[in-house]
Amino acid sequence: MLQTTKSYTKFPLSIKWKGMETKRIKIVACKPLPNYHIWICFDDGLEGEVDLSHLVGKGVFEAWNSVEFFNQVRVDSKSDTVAWGEDIDLDPYVLREKIISN
């Protein structure tokens, strides 16, 4: 059973599942880099570069064919992850794993 430790919000600060508590990951800063890479900084100080070039032109990422659009990356204040426009955001857990594995 999934329980939130705070009153329910769209994105709880932490969750309890099977007796384990997990803190929500928050991205606090980002910036575009050449060749469809982005630099990301998490709230715990972890930072690094992620290569997103393999996504360009596929599905919703077709919008990234415009480098100007890709360079508009920002941290979404509601979800605390990287986003482009209203339709594209990326899972911060996956981005964190990509940074750790490099």
Protein backbone atom coordinates (compact mmCIF):
# COMPACT_ATOMS: atom_id res chain seq x y z
CA MET A 1 0.00 0.00 0.00
CA LEU A 2 1.32 3.41 -0.98
CA GLN A 3 1.11 6.10 1.70
CA THR A 4 2.20 9.70 1.57
CA THR A 5 3.94 11.16 4.60
CA LYS A 6 2.36 14.56 4.01
CA SER A 7 -1.14 15.40 2.94
CA TYR A 8 -1.67 14.37 -0.66
CA THR A 9 -0.31 16.60 -3.36
CA LYS A 10 0.24 15.84 -7.01
CA PHE A 11 3.91 15.14 -6.26
CA PRO A 12 4.40 14.07 -2.62
CA LEU A 13 7.66 15.02 -0.91
CA SER A 14 8.22 11.44 0.14
CA ILE A 15 6.37 8.14 -0.01
CA LYS A 16 6.22 5.04 2.16
CA TRP A 17 5.97 1.68 0.49
CA LYS A 18 6.31 -1.63 2.30
CA GLY A 19 7.85 0.12 5.30
CA MET A 20 10.49 1.96 3.27
CA GLU A 21 10.48 5.72 2.85
CA THR A 22 11.78 7.29 -0.34
CA LYS A 23 12.51 10.99 -0.79
CA ARG A 24 11.31 12.60 -3.99
CA ILE A 25 14.16 13.66 -6.27
CA LYS A 26 14.27 17.36 -7.13
CA ILE A 27 16.21 19.03 -9.92
CA VAL A 28 17.14 22.57 -8.89
CA ALA A 29 19.12 23.80 -11.92
CA CYS A 30 19.78 22.89 -15.53
CA LYS A 31 21.30 24.34 -18.67
CA PRO A 32 21.55 23.25 -22.29
CA LEU A 33 24.89 22.15 -23.68
CA PRO A 34 26.02 21.50 -27.27
CA ASN A 35 25.02 18.34 -29.14
CA TYR A 36 21.76 17.76 -27.23
CA HIS A 37 23.36 17.39 -23.82
CA ILE A 38 22.08 19.05 -20.65
CA TRP A 39 23.76 19.83 -17.34
CA ILE A 40 21.61 19.07 -14.28
CA CYS A 41 21.98 19.80 -10.55
CA PHE A 42 19.90 17.97 -7.93
CA ASP A 43 18.89 19.31 -4.51
CA ASP A 44 21.38 17.01 -2.77
CA GLY A 45 24.31 18.51 -4.71
CA LEU A 46 24.72 15.75 -7.32
CA GLU A 47 25.34 17.30 -10.71
CA GLY A 48 26.38 16.15 -14.12
CA GLU A 49 25.82 16.01 -17.84
CA VAL A 50 23.27 13.85 -19.66
CA ASP A 51 23.34 13.03 -23.37
CA LEU A 52 19.84 13.20 -24.87
CA SER A 53 20.86 13.04 -28.54
CA HIS A 54 19.41 9.53 -28.95
CA LEU A 55 15.90 10.97 -28.39
CA VAL A 56 16.02 13.76 -30.98
CA GLY A 57 13.38 13.42 -33.70
CA LYS A 58 11.49 10.55 -32.02
CA GLY A 59 7.84 11.07 -31.02
CA VAL A 60 7.36 14.21 -28.94
CA PHE A 61 11.12 14.79 -29.15
CA GLU A 62 10.66 15.76 -32.78
CA ALA A 63 10.36 19.29 -31.35
CA TRP A 64 14.08 19.08 -30.52
CA ASN A 65 14.89 19.17 -34.25
CA SER A 66 14.83 22.88 -33.48
CA VAL A 67 17.99 23.50 -31.46
CA GLU A 68 16.44 26.78 -30.30
CA PHE A 69 13.58 24.83 -28.71
CA PHE A 70 15.96 22.33 -27.09
CA ASN A 71 17.92 25.23 -25.60
CA GLN A 72 14.75 26.41 -23.80
CA VAL A 73 15.16 23.65 -21.19
CA ARG A 74 14.05 24.74 -17.73
CA VAL A 75 13.24 23.30 -14.31
CA ASP A 76 9.48 22.94 -13.97
CA SER A 77 8.45 24.36 -10.59
CA LYS A 78 5.53 21.93 -10.19
CA SER A 79 7.33 18.67 -10.95
CA ASP A 80 10.93 19.66 -10.09
CA THR A 81 12.27 18.09 -13.26
CA VAL A 82 13.56 19.36 -16.60
CA ALA A 83 10.94 20.43 -19.12
CA TRP A 84 10.46 21.97 -22.54
CA GLY A 85 7.22 23.79 -23.27
CA GLU A 86 4.07 22.14 -21.91
CA ASP A 87 4.48 18.69 -23.48
CA ILE A 88 7.98 17.44 -22.71
CA ASP A 89 9.47 16.57 -19.34
CA LEU A 90 11.87 13.83 -18.27
CA ASP A 91 11.87 11.47 -15.31
CA PRO A 92 14.38 12.82 -12.74
CA TYR A 93 15.10 9.30 -11.42
CA VAL A 94 16.25 8.16 -14.88
CA LEU A 95 18.36 11.31 -15.33
CA ARG A 96 19.96 10.78 -11.93
CA GLU A 97 20.86 7.19 -12.79
CA LYS A 98 22.44 8.33 -16.07
CA ILE A 99 24.65 10.79 -14.16
CA ILE A 100 25.63 8.24 -11.51
CA SER A 101 26.47 5.58 -14.10
CA ASN A 102 28.90 7.88 -16.00
